[in-house]
Amino acid sequence: MVELTEVTRYYGPKRALGPVSFEIEKGDTVGILGLNGVGKTTLLRILACGLRPSSGSVSIDGHDVLDNPHEVRKRVGYLPEVPPVYGDMTVKDYLAFVGRLKGMTAEAVSERMPAVEECTRITEVRDMPARHLSQGYRQRVGVAQAIIHEPDLLIMDEPTHDLDPVQIVEMRAMIRALKESHTILISSHILPEISQTCDRLLILDDGRIVASGSEAQLEERLLLSRRIRVTVRPAATGATAARALIAGVPGVKTVDRTGAADGTTEEPGTATFRIEGEADVRAEVCRALVEAGHDVITLTRAERQLERVFVGLVAEGTN
């Protein structure tokens, strides 16, 4: 669906993006993750034919953005960070206007409108001028204008920008529903937004992609998937003996007990340990503890810490 090869963008002598190369398959939901100012919006604007690359090639569904931009625009729906709504137009008139701009007939717009309104949950405000809409509804209308022409590729720049917690949850649910019928590319610097909506991540730093893959793959690259937590009810020998036992399991590199030092609390009568192994050592740790008479209450991989993945990969990219 998307193919970029050695794409760059300069503003005068300043490099804002690139060189960037990647592909997105049809049906994928991909997140571009990066701090403010690293080139995310520049990249999305190039894909949406709103900005020309300085060099390199970009194709959407086989169509080059420079040679055939009108065909590309037919296949792309774009939600910029600030929803492009006109305050004096009612929602339904604005969406009809956008649909005609996208090449739809008036009849096609009328047939498409009920599905778009239902999907984005804007039916109750369809007759209101856009200037009277809350930020949450303005964002929904922004999504509606992006999907009115049923694009193959949906591009969303910071889709939860300025939304309250309830609206953020609703937007994420909407994105998950849209995944069924669109290839989606989302940019954000908000980590949970990417983690909860995307199948694959592209980490952008200083205009370049420093890593790509699923969250699990990026964790593995930093060895984060080899970290586990185990909570036990120690035998008579005590928590110290349990810790020593874990430390002696083949493949275990480090064992640390959680507690006040790292801001966590333990259930009375239990002890919780953080373990880092050379591989996945859950089975070996559980077997050793049980055979020694320690009751294993929980044993899981450490919760995914996308923040740690992101910081670690950005640090890798700058070294």
C-alpha atoms as a PDB file:
ATOM      1  CA  MET A   1       0.000   0.000   0.000  1.00  0.00           C
ATOM      2  CA  VAL A   2       2.807   2.426   0.902  1.00  0.00           C
ATOM      3  CA  GLU A   3       6.392   2.362  -0.338  1.00  0.00           C
ATOM      4  CA  LEU A   4       9.032   4.984   0.440  1.00  0.00           C
ATOM      5  CA  THR A   5      12.583   4.827  -0.879  1.00  0.00           C
ATOM      6  CA  GLU A   6      15.294   7.188   0.388  1.00  0.00           C
ATOM      7  CA  VAL A   7      12.840  10.052   0.938  1.00  0.00           C
ATOM      8  CA  THR A   8      14.201  13.364   2.226  1.00  0.00           C
ATOM      9  CA  ARG A   9      12.757  16.800   2.842  1.00  0.00           C
ATOM     10  CA  TYR A  10      14.782  19.969   3.326  1.00  0.00           C
ATOM     11  CA  TYR A  11      13.643  23.449   4.308  1.00  0.00           C
ATOM     12  CA  GLY A  12      16.472  25.482   2.855  1.00  0.00           C
ATOM     13  CA  PRO A  13      19.654  23.958   4.243  1.00  0.00           C
ATOM     14  CA  LYS A  14      17.861  22.310   7.171  1.00  0.00           C
ATOM     15  CA  ARG A  15      17.078  18.614   6.868  1.00  0.00           C
ATOM     16  CA  ALA A  16      13.634  17.931   8.347  1.00  0.00           C
ATOM     17  CA  LEU A  17      13.273  14.347   7.186  1.00  0.00           C
ATOM     18  CA  GLY A  18      15.281  11.476   5.841  1.00  0.00           C
ATOM     19  CA  PRO A  19      16.566   9.576   4.277  1.00  0.00           C
ATOM     20  CA  VAL A  20      13.549   7.384   5.094  1.00  0.00           C
ATOM     21  CA  SER A  21      12.619   4.041   3.527  1.00  0.00           C
ATOM     22  CA  PHE A  22       9.825   1.663   4.571  1.00  0.00           C
ATOM     23  CA  GLU A  23       6.826  -0.272   3.300  1.00  0.00           C
ATOM     24  CA  ILE A  24       3.315  -0.741   4.679  1.00  0.00           C
ATOM     25  CA  GLU A  25       1.193  -3.659   3.525  1.00  0.00           C
ATOM     26  CA  LYS A  26      -2.546  -3.434   2.891  1.00  0.00           C
ATOM     27  CA  GLY A  27      -4.537  -3.908   6.064  1.00  0.00           C
ATOM     28  CA  ASP A  28      -1.697  -2.964   8.425  1.00  0.00           C
ATOM     29  CA  THR A  29      -2.056  -0.442  11.212  1.00  0.00           C
ATOM     30  CA  VAL A  30       1.285   1.280  11.698  1.00  0.00           C
ATOM     31  CA  GLY A  31       2.292   3.861  14.262  1.00  0.00           C
ATOM     32  CA  ILE A  32       5.001   6.471  13.775  1.00  0.00           C
ATOM     33  CA  LEU A  33       6.377   7.273  17.193  1.00  0.00           C
ATOM     34  CA  GLY A  34       8.678  10.177  17.912  1.00  0.00           C
ATOM     35  CA  LEU A  35       9.192  13.291  19.954  1.00  0.00           C
ATOM     36  CA  ASN A  36       7.915  16.652  18.738  1.00  0.00           C
ATOM     37  CA  GLY A  37       9.989  18.080  15.919  1.00  0.00           C
ATOM     38  CA  VAL A  38      11.508  14.850  14.574  1.00  0.00           C
ATOM     39  CA  GLY A  39       9.686  14.932  11.217  1.00  0.00           C
ATOM     40  CA  LYS A  40       6.441  13.012  11.801  1.00  0.00           C
ATOM     41  CA  THR A  41       4.101  15.636  10.350  1.00  0.00           C
ATOM     42  CA  THR A  42       6.458  16.319   7.440  1.00  0.00           C
ATOM     43  CA  LEU A  43       6.369  12.622   6.579  1.00  0.00           C
ATOM     44  CA  LEU A  44       2.569  12.440   6.743  1.00  0.00           C
ATOM     45  CA  ARG A  45       2.131  15.553   4.617  1.00  0.00           C
ATOM     46  CA  ILE A  46       4.338  14.017   1.931  1.00  0.00           C
ATOM     47  CA  LEU A  47       2.229  10.849   1.959  1.00  0.00           C
ATOM     48  CA  ALA A  48      -0.969  12.916   1.714  1.00  0.00           C
ATOM     49  CA  CYS A  49       0.391  14.897  -1.277  1.00  0.00           C
ATOM     50  CA  GLY A  50       0.445  18.101   0.745  1.00  0.00           C
ATOM     51  CA  LEU A  51       4.214  18.463   0.537  1.00  0.00           C
ATOM     52  CA  ARG A  52       6.750  17.455  -2.095  1.00  0.00           C
ATOM     53  CA  PRO A  53       9.777  15.416  -1.033  1.00  0.00           C
ATOM     54  CA  SER A  54      13.157  16.943  -1.779  1.00  0.00           C
ATOM     55  CA  SER A  55      14.399  13.587  -3.069  1.00  0.00           C
ATOM     56  CA  GLY A  56      13.450   9.931  -3.125  1.00  0.00           C
ATOM     57  CA  SER A  57      10.299   8.184  -4.301  1.00  0.00           C
ATOM     58  CA  VAL A  58       6.883   7.660  -2.664  1.00  0.00           C
ATOM     59  CA  SER A  59       4.091   5.480  -4.015  1.00  0.00           C
ATOM     60  CA  ILE A  60       0.623   4.786  -2.633  1.00  0.00           C
ATOM     61  CA  ASP A  61      -1.106   1.684  -3.973  1.00  0.00           C
ATOM     62  CA  GLY A  62       1.268   1.727  -6.929  1.00  0.00           C
ATOM     63  CA  HIS A  63       0.807   5.427  -7.773  1.00  0.00           C
ATOM     64  CA  ASP A  64       3.705   7.870  -7.462  1.00  0.00           C
ATOM     65  CA  VAL A  65       2.867  10.953  -5.378  1.00  0.00           C
ATOM     66  CA  LEU A  66       4.745  13.236  -7.801  1.00  0.00           C
ATOM     67  CA  ASP A  67       3.681  11.717 -11.108  1.00  0.00           C
ATOM     68  CA  ASN A  68       0.058  11.003 -10.233  1.00  0.00           C
ATOM     69  CA  PRO A  69      -1.008  12.979  -7.134  1.00  0.00           C
ATOM     70  CA  HIS A  70      -4.709  13.043  -8.051  1.00  0.00           C
ATOM     71  CA  GLU A  71      -4.871   9.237  -8.077  1.00  0.00           C
ATOM     72  CA  VAL A  72      -3.056   9.164  -4.746  1.00  0.00           C
ATOM     73  CA  ARG A  73      -5.513  11.617  -3.169  1.00  0.00           C
ATOM     74  CA  LYS A  74      -8.416   9.393  -4.200  1.00  0.00           C
ATOM     75  CA  ARG A  75      -6.882   6.607  -2.123  1.00  0.00           C
ATOM     76  CA  VAL A  76      -5.838   8.626   0.925  1.00  0.00           C
ATOM     77  CA  GLY A  77      -7.828  10.098   3.789  1.00  0.00           C
ATOM     78  CA  TYR A  78      -5.884  12.591   5.904  1.00  0.00           C
ATOM     79  CA  LEU A  79      -6.646  13.885   9.387  1.00  0.00           C
ATOM     80  CA  PRO A  80      -4.141  16.608  10.302  1.00  0.00           C
ATOM     81  CA  GLU A  81      -3.418  17.494  13.913  1.00  0.00           C
ATOM     82  CA  VAL A  82      -5.915  20.383  13.754  1.00  0.00           C
ATOM     83  CA  PRO A  83      -9.197  19.151  12.179  1.00  0.00           C
ATOM     84  CA  PRO A  84      -9.854  21.048   8.919  1.00  0.00           C
ATOM     85  CA  VAL A  85     -13.457  22.116   9.561  1.00  0.00           C
ATOM     86  CA  TYR A  86     -15.172  25.316   8.446  1.00  0.00           C
ATOM     87  CA  GLY A  87     -16.945  27.010  11.352  1.00  0.00           C
ATOM     88  CA  ASP A  88     -19.806  28.533   9.358  1.00  0.00           C
ATOM     89  CA  MET A  89     -20.806  25.273   7.670  1.00  0.00           C
ATOM     90  CA  THR A  90     -23.032  22.659   9.242  1.00  0.00           C
ATOM     91  CA  VAL A  91     -21.462  19.260   9.686  1.00  0.00           C
ATOM     92  CA  LYS A  92     -23.535  17.613   6.956  1.00  0.00           C
ATOM     93  CA  ASP A  93     -22.875  20.443   4.483  1.00  0.00           C
ATOM     94  CA  TYR A  94     -19.165  20.354   5.254  1.00  0.00           C
ATOM     95  CA  LEU A  95     -18.956  16.596   4.700  1.00  0.00           C
ATOM     96  CA  ALA A  96     -20.923  16.897   1.461  1.00  0.00           C
ATOM     97  CA  PHE A  97     -18.492  19.616   0.363  1.00  0.00           C
ATOM     98  CA  VAL A  98     -15.472  17.444   1.162  1.00  0.00           C
ATOM     99  CA  GLY A  99     -17.019  14.482  -0.631  1.00  0.00           C
ATOM    100  CA  ARG A 100     -17.484  16.521  -3.812  1.00  0.00           C
ATOM    101  CA  LEU A 101     -13.875  17.747  -3.543  1.00  0.00           C
ATOM    102  CA  LYS A 102     -12.830  14.091  -3.410  1.00  0.00           C
ATOM    103  CA  GLY A 103     -14.630  13.450  -6.712  1.00  0.00           C
ATOM    104  CA  MET A 104     -17.819  11.892  -5.350  1.00  0.00           C
ATOM    105  CA  THR A 105     -21.169  12.584  -6.942  1.00  0.00           C
ATOM    106  CA  ALA A 106     -23.899  14.189  -4.861  1.00  0.00           C
ATOM    107  CA  GLU A 107     -25.786  10.892  -4.922  1.00  0.00           C
ATOM    108  CA  ALA A 108     -22.731   8.960  -3.743  1.00  0.00           C
ATOM    109  CA  VAL A 109     -22.208  11.422  -0.894  1.00  0.00           C
ATOM    110  CA  SER A 110     -25.840  11.038   0.228  1.00  0.00           C
ATOM    111  CA  GLU A 111     -25.547   7.251   0.185  1.00  0.00           C
ATOM    112  CA  ARG A 112     -22.263   7.294   2.074  1.00  0.00           C
ATOM    113  CA  MET A 113     -23.213   9.883   4.725  1.00  0.00           C
ATOM    114  CA  PRO A 114     -25.285   7.669   7.110  1.00  0.00           C
ATOM    115  CA  ALA A 115     -22.469   5.102   7.451  1.00  0.00           C
ATOM    116  CA  VAL A 116     -19.889   7.816   8.105  1.00  0.00           C
ATOM    117  CA  GLU A 117     -22.081   9.542  10.689  1.00  0.00           C
ATOM    118  CA  GLU A 118     -22.715   6.258  12.493  1.00  0.00           C
ATOM    119  CA  CYS A 119     -19.063   5.212  12.443  1.00  0.00           C
ATOM    120  CA  THR A 120     -17.856   8.536  13.845  1.00  0.00           C
ATOM    121  CA  ARG A 121     -20.898   9.050  16.101  1.00  0.00           C
ATOM    122  CA  ILE A 122     -21.749  12.534  14.848  1.00  0.00           C
ATOM    123  CA  THR A 123     -25.396  12.014  13.887  1.00  0.00           C
ATOM    124  CA  GLU A 124     -26.685  14.208  16.699  1.00  0.00           C
ATOM    125  CA  VAL A 125     -24.593  17.197  15.577  1.00  0.00           C
ATOM    126  CA  ARG A 126     -25.015  16.831  11.798  1.00  0.00           C
ATOM    127  CA  ASP A 127     -27.126  20.029  11.580  1.00  0.00           C
ATOM    128  CA  MET A 128     -24.917  22.137  13.858  1.00  0.00           C
ATOM    129  CA  PRO A 129     -22.425  24.727  12.563  1.00  0.00           C
ATOM    130  CA  ALA A 130     -18.914  23.455  13.188  1.00  0.00           C
ATOM    131  CA  ARG A 131     -18.010  26.494  15.317  1.00  0.00           C
ATOM    132  CA  HIS A 132     -20.394  25.248  18.018  1.00  0.00           C
ATOM    133  CA  LEU A 133     -18.798  21.808  18.290  1.00  0.00           C
ATOM    134  CA  SER A 134     -16.734  20.661  21.244  1.00  0.00           C
ATOM    135  CA  GLN A 135     -13.144  19.605  20.589  1.00  0.00           C
ATOM    136  CA  GLY A 136     -14.185  15.952  20.762  1.00  0.00           C
ATOM    137  CA  TYR A 137     -16.853  16.407  18.089  1.00  0.00           C
ATOM    138  CA  ARG A 138     -14.531  18.513  15.922  1.00  0.00           C
ATOM    139  CA  GLN A 139     -12.057  15.634  15.989  1.00  0.00           C
ATOM    140  CA  ARG A 140     -14.784  13.150  15.041  1.00  0.00           C
ATOM    141  CA  VAL A 141     -15.830  15.369  12.143  1.00  0.00           C
ATOM    142  CA  GLY A 142     -12.165  15.458  11.142  1.00  0.00           C
ATOM    143  CA  VAL A 143     -12.188  11.663  10.981  1.00  0.00           C
ATOM    144  CA  ALA A 144     -15.466  11.745   9.043  1.00  0.00           C
ATOM    145  CA  GLN A 145     -14.013  14.016   6.348  1.00  0.00           C
ATOM    146  CA  ALA A 146     -11.005  11.705   6.082  1.00  0.00           C
ATOM    147  CA  ILE A 147     -13.122   8.604   5.419  1.00  0.00           C
ATOM    148  CA  ILE A 148     -16.058  10.071   3.481  1.00  0.00           C
ATOM    149  CA  HIS A 149     -14.648   8.827   0.147  1.00  0.00           C
ATOM    150  CA  GLU A 150     -13.775   5.360   1.532  1.00  0.00           C
ATOM    151  CA  PRO A 151      -9.983   5.683   1.137  1.00  0.00           C
ATOM    152  CA  ASP A 152      -7.716   2.662   1.146  1.00  0.00           C
ATOM    153  CA  LEU A 153      -5.168   4.461   3.335  1.00  0.00           C
ATOM    154  CA  LEU A 154      -6.131   6.523   6.380  1.00  0.00           C
ATOM    155  CA  ILE A 155      -3.448   8.876   7.738  1.00  0.00           C
ATOM    156  CA  MET A 156      -3.950  10.407  11.175  1.00  0.00           C
ATOM    157  CA  ASP A 157      -1.642  12.976  12.753  1.00  0.00           C
ATOM    158  CA  GLU A 158      -1.935  13.030  16.566  1.00  0.00           C
ATOM    159  CA  PRO A 159      -5.612  11.912  16.519  1.00  0.00           C
ATOM    160  CA  THR A 160      -6.084  12.350  20.282  1.00  0.00           C
ATOM    161  CA  HIS A 161      -4.604  15.866  20.370  1.00  0.00           C
ATOM    162  CA  ASP A 162      -6.361  18.067  22.964  1.00  0.00           C
ATOM    163  CA  LEU A 163      -8.950  15.401  23.842  1.00  0.00           C
ATOM    164  CA  ASP A 164     -10.019  14.624  27.399  1.00  0.00           C
ATOM    165  CA  PRO A 165      -9.565  11.092  28.843  1.00  0.00           C
ATOM    166  CA  VAL A 166     -13.061   9.917  27.877  1.00  0.00           C
ATOM    167  CA  GLN A 167     -12.698  11.269  24.348  1.00  0.00           C
ATOM    168  CA  ILE A 168      -9.289   9.593  24.017  1.00  0.00           C
ATOM    169  CA  VAL A 169     -10.819   6.210  24.864  1.00  0.00           C
ATOM    170  CA  GLU A 170     -13.589   6.810  22.317  1.00  0.00           C
ATOM    171  CA  MET A 171     -11.088   7.810  19.625  1.00  0.00           C
ATOM    172  CA  ARG A 172      -9.021   4.677  20.207  1.00  0.00           C
ATOM    173  CA  ALA A 173     -12.146   2.543  19.910  1.00  0.00           C
ATOM    174  CA  MET A 174     -13.001   4.296  16.647  1.00  0.00           C
ATOM    175  CA  ILE A 175      -9.529   3.655  15.265  1.00  0.00           C
ATOM    176  CA  ARG A 176      -9.758  -0.029  16.154  1.00  0.00           C
ATOM    177  CA  ALA A 177     -13.083  -0.222  14.295  1.00  0.00           C
ATOM    178  CA  LEU A 178     -11.608   1.528  11.244  1.00  0.00           C
ATOM    179  CA  LYS A 179      -8.802  -1.059  11.106  1.00  0.00           C
ATOM    180  CA  GLU A 180     -11.286  -3.525   9.643  1.00  0.00           C
ATOM    181  CA  SER A 181     -11.649  -1.576   6.387  1.00  0.00           C
ATOM    182  CA  HIS A 182      -8.580   0.664   6.048  1.00  0.00           C
ATOM    183  CA  THR A 183      -4.820   0.557   6.097  1.00  0.00           C
ATOM    184  CA  ILE A 184      -3.970   3.047   8.846  1.00  0.00           C
ATOM    185  CA  LEU A 185      -0.908   5.152   9.568  1.00  0.00           C
ATOM    186  CA  ILE A 186      -0.899   7.087  12.850  1.00  0.00           C
ATOM    187  CA  SER A 187       1.703   9.476  14.187  1.00  0.00           C
ATOM    188  CA  SER A 188       1.962  10.337  17.845  1.00  0.00           C
ATOM    189  CA  HIS A 189       4.313  11.163  20.682  1.00  0.00           C
ATOM    190  CA  ILE A 190       1.787   9.702  23.151  1.00  0.00           C
ATOM    191  CA  LEU A 191       2.986   6.176  23.840  1.00  0.00           C
ATOM    192  CA  PRO A 192      -0.271   4.495  25.022  1.00  0.00           C
ATOM    193  CA  GLU A 193      -2.036   5.721  21.891  1.00  0.00           C
ATOM    194  CA  ILE A 194       0.419   3.859  19.687  1.00  0.00           C
ATOM    195  CA  SER A 195       0.620   0.822  21.948  1.00  0.00           C
ATOM    196  CA  GLN A 196      -3.145   0.290  22.080  1.00  0.00           C
ATOM    197  CA  THR A 197      -4.001   0.864  18.428  1.00  0.00           C
ATOM    198  CA  CYS A 198      -1.087  -0.224  16.208  1.00  0.00           C
ATOM    199  CA  ASP A 199       0.287  -3.568  15.063  1.00  0.00           C
ATOM    200  CA  ARG A 200       3.693  -2.258  14.039  1.00  0.00           C
ATOM    201  CA  LEU A 201       5.814   0.690  15.131  1.00  0.00           C
ATOM    202  CA  LEU A 202       8.240   2.955  13.316  1.00  0.00           C
ATOM    203  CA  ILE A 203      10.464   4.880  15.714  1.00  0.00           C
ATOM    204  CA  LEU A 204      11.450   8.230  14.205  1.00  0.00           C
ATOM    205  CA  ASP A 205      14.291  10.325  15.588  1.00  0.00           C
ATOM    206  CA  ASP A 206      16.055  13.289  13.991  1.00  0.00           C
ATOM    207  CA  GLY A 207      14.162  12.680  10.758  1.00  0.00           C
ATOM    208  CA  ARG A 208      15.270   9.067  10.434  1.00  0.00           C
ATOM    209  CA  ILE A 209      13.724   5.707  11.324  1.00  0.00           C
ATOM    210  CA  VAL A 210      15.879   4.206  14.052  1.00  0.00           C
ATOM    211  CA  ALA A 211      13.825   1.032  14.531  1.00  0.00           C
ATOM    212  CA  SER A 212      10.715  -0.753  13.284  1.00  0.00           C
ATOM    213  CA  GLY A 213       8.697  -3.792  14.264  1.00  0.00           C
ATOM    214  CA  SER A 214       5.998  -4.879  16.680  1.00  0.00           C
ATOM    215  CA  GLU A 215       6.249  -3.793  20.285  1.00  0.00           C
ATOM    216  CA  ALA A 216       7.303  -7.320  21.232  1.00  0.00           C
ATOM    217  CA  GLN A 217      10.042  -7.324  18.577  1.00  0.00           C
ATOM    218  CA  LEU A 218      11.389  -3.993  19.772  1.00  0.00           C
ATOM    219  CA  GLU A 219      11.331  -5.243  23.357  1.00  0.00           C
ATOM    220  CA  GLU A 220      13.314  -8.289  22.294  1.00  0.00           C
ATOM    221  CA  ARG A 221      15.857  -6.063  20.597  1.00  0.00           C
ATOM    222  CA  LEU A 222      16.448  -4.394  23.962  1.00  0.00           C
ATOM    223  CA  LEU A 223      16.112  -7.725  25.806  1.00  0.00           C
ATOM    224  CA  LEU A 224      13.102  -6.394  27.727  1.00  0.00           C
ATOM    225  CA  SER A 225      11.068  -9.532  26.965  1.00  0.00           C
ATOM    226  CA  ARG A 226      13.497 -11.510  29.107  1.00  0.00           C
ATOM    227  CA  ARG A 227      12.414  -9.723  32.258  1.00  0.00           C
ATOM    228  CA  ILE A 228       9.874 -11.445  34.500  1.00  0.00           C
ATOM    229  CA  ARG A 229       8.202 -10.899  37.866  1.00  0.00           C
ATOM    230  CA  VAL A 230       7.464 -13.626  40.365  1.00  0.00           C
ATOM    231  CA  THR A 231       5.522 -13.363  43.594  1.00  0.00           C
ATOM    232  CA  VAL A 232       5.927 -16.152  46.132  1.00  0.00           C
ATOM    233  CA  ARG A 233       4.752 -17.078  49.595  1.00  0.00           C
ATOM    234  CA  PRO A 234       8.124 -18.121  50.982  1.00  0.00           C
ATOM    235  CA  ALA A 235       8.686 -21.412  52.757  1.00  0.00           C
ATOM    236  CA  ALA A 236      10.060 -21.494  56.299  1.00  0.00           C
ATOM    237  CA  THR A 237      13.501 -20.701  54.948  1.00  0.00           C
ATOM    238  CA  GLY A 238      12.262 -17.206  54.077  1.00  0.00           C
ATOM    239  CA  ALA A 239      12.411 -14.688  51.239  1.00  0.00           C
ATOM    240  CA  THR A 240      16.193 -14.441  51.345  1.00  0.00           C
ATOM    241  CA  ALA A 241      16.478 -18.143  50.587  1.00  0.00           C
ATOM    242  CA  ALA A 242      13.941 -17.802  47.775  1.00  0.00           C
ATOM    243  CA  ARG A 243      15.970 -14.986  46.228  1.00  0.00           C
ATOM    244  CA  ALA A 244      19.180 -17.024  46.460  1.00  0.00           C
ATOM    245  CA  LEU A 245      17.404 -19.998  44.898  1.00  0.00           C
ATOM    246  CA  ILE A 246      16.222 -17.893  41.938  1.00  0.00           C
ATOM    247  CA  ALA A 247      19.682 -16.432  41.483  1.00  0.00           C
ATOM    248  CA  GLY A 248      21.055 -19.952  41.133  1.00  0.00           C
ATOM    249  CA  VAL A 249      18.707 -20.974  38.339  1.00  0.00           C
ATOM    250  CA  PRO A 250      20.682 -21.440  35.091  1.00  0.00           C
ATOM    251  CA  GLY A 251      20.076 -18.516  32.740  1.00  0.00           C
ATOM    252  CA  VAL A 252      19.166 -15.999  35.460  1.00  0.00           C
ATOM    253  CA  LYS A 253      21.368 -12.900  35.281  1.00  0.00           C
ATOM    254  CA  THR A 254      19.937 -10.675  38.036  1.00  0.00           C
ATOM    255  CA  VAL A 255      17.316 -10.895  40.792  1.00  0.00           C
ATOM    256  CA  ASP A 256      15.965  -7.887  42.678  1.00  0.00           C
ATOM    257  CA  ARG A 257      13.247  -7.795  45.273  1.00  0.00           C
ATOM    258  CA  THR A 258      10.612  -5.101  44.778  1.00  0.00           C
ATOM    259  CA  GLY A 259       9.599  -2.878  47.650  1.00  0.00           C
ATOM    260  CA  ALA A 260       9.597   0.646  48.978  1.00  0.00           C
ATOM    261  CA  ALA A 261      12.778   1.489  47.094  1.00  0.00           C
ATOM    262  CA  ASP A 262      11.010   1.282  43.733  1.00  0.00           C
ATOM    263  CA  GLY A 263       7.611   2.505  44.897  1.00  0.00           C
ATOM    264  CA  THR A 264       5.840  -0.867  45.050  1.00  0.00           C
ATOM    265  CA  THR A 265       4.201  -2.699  47.938  1.00  0.00           C
ATOM    266  CA  GLU A 266       3.906  -6.388  48.661  1.00  0.00           C
ATOM    267  CA  GLU A 267       0.963  -8.337  49.981  1.00  0.00           C
ATOM    268  CA  PRO A 268       1.622  -9.435  53.572  1.00  0.00           C
ATOM    269  CA  GLY A 269       3.362 -12.785  53.710  1.00  0.00           C
ATOM    270  CA  THR A 270       4.612 -12.613  50.120  1.00  0.00           C
ATOM    271  CA  ALA A 271       7.754 -11.521  48.329  1.00  0.00           C
ATOM    272  CA  THR A 272       8.018 -10.254  44.748  1.00  0.00           C
ATOM    273  CA  PHE A 273      11.176 -10.418  42.648  1.00  0.00           C
ATOM    274  CA  ARG A 274      12.181  -8.859  39.344  1.00  0.00           C
ATOM    275  CA  ILE A 275      14.274 -11.247  37.287  1.00  0.00           C
ATOM    276  CA  GLU A 276      16.317 -10.720  34.146  1.00  0.00           C
ATOM    277  CA  GLY A 277      17.439 -13.780  32.249  1.00  0.00           C
ATOM    278  CA  GLU A 278      19.559 -14.665  29.292  1.00  0.00           C
ATOM    279  CA  ALA A 279      16.382 -16.178  27.828  1.00  0.00           C
ATOM    280  CA  ASP A 280      12.796 -16.831  28.970  1.00  0.00           C
ATOM    281  CA  VAL A 281      13.407 -18.564  32.324  1.00  0.00           C
ATOM    282  CA  ARG A 282       9.841 -18.637  33.658  1.00  0.00           C
ATOM    283  CA  ALA A 283       9.507 -22.420  33.616  1.00  0.00           C
ATOM    284  CA  GLU A 284      12.870 -23.009  35.273  1.00  0.00           C
ATOM    285  CA  VAL A 285      12.251 -20.428  37.999  1.00  0.00           C
ATOM    286  CA  CYS A 286       8.789 -21.804  38.774  1.00  0.00           C
ATOM    287  CA  ARG A 287      10.059 -25.388  38.961  1.00  0.00           C
ATOM    288  CA  ALA A 288      12.916 -24.484  41.310  1.00  0.00           C
ATOM    289  CA  LEU A 289      10.690 -22.514  43.674  1.00  0.00           C
ATOM    290  CA  VAL A 290       7.950 -25.148  43.896  1.00  0.00           C
ATOM    291  CA  GLU A 291      10.406 -27.986  44.448  1.00  0.00           C
ATOM    292  CA  ALA A 292      11.936 -26.004  47.327  1.00  0.00           C
ATOM    293  CA  GLY A 293       8.542 -25.538  48.999  1.00  0.00           C
ATOM    294  CA  HIS A 294       7.873 -21.902  48.013  1.00  0.00           C
ATOM    295  CA  ASP A 295       4.319 -21.217  46.865  1.00  0.00           C
ATOM    296  CA  VAL A 296       4.287 -19.372  43.532  1.00  0.00           C
ATOM    297  CA  ILE A 297       1.428 -16.844  43.546  1.00  0.00           C
ATOM    298  CA  THR A 298       2.109 -15.156  40.191  1.00  0.00           C
ATOM    299  CA  LEU A 299       4.792 -15.476  37.550  1.00  0.00           C
ATOM    300  CA  THR A 300       4.612 -13.296  34.451  1.00  0.00           C
ATOM    301  CA  ARG A 301       6.721 -11.425  32.014  1.00  0.00           C
ATOM    302  CA  ALA A 302       7.233  -7.889  33.208  1.00  0.00           C
ATOM    303  CA  GLU A 303       4.561  -5.562  31.879  1.00  0.00           C
ATOM    304  CA  ARG A 304       5.505  -4.066  28.578  1.00  0.00           C
ATOM    305  CA  GLN A 305       7.139  -0.715  29.118  1.00  0.00           C
ATOM    306  CA  LEU A 306       6.862   1.052  25.771  1.00  0.00           C
ATOM    307  CA  GLU A 307       8.418   4.121  27.356  1.00  0.00           C
ATOM    308  CA  ARG A 308      11.566   2.134  28.069  1.00  0.00           C
ATOM    309  CA  VAL A 309      11.557   0.670  24.570  1.00  0.00           C
ATOM    310  CA  PHE A 310      11.192   4.114  23.014  1.00  0.00           C
ATOM    311  CA  VAL A 311      13.842   5.783  25.158  1.00  0.00           C
ATOM    312  CA  GLY A 312      16.235   2.910  24.613  1.00  0.00           C
ATOM    313  CA  LEU A 313      15.827   2.909  20.836  1.00  0.00           C
ATOM    314  CA  VAL A 314      16.144   6.679  20.546  1.00  0.00           C
ATOM    315  CA  ALA A 315      19.310   6.458  22.646  1.00  0.00           C
ATOM    316  CA  GLU A 316      20.604   3.735  20.302  1.00  0.00           C
ATOM    317  CA  GLY A 317      19.911   5.947  17.309  1.00  0.00           C
ATOM    318  CA  THR A 318      21.904   8.865  18.698  1.00  0.00           C
ATOM    319  CA  ASN A 319      24.975   6.818  19.592  1.00  0.00           C
END
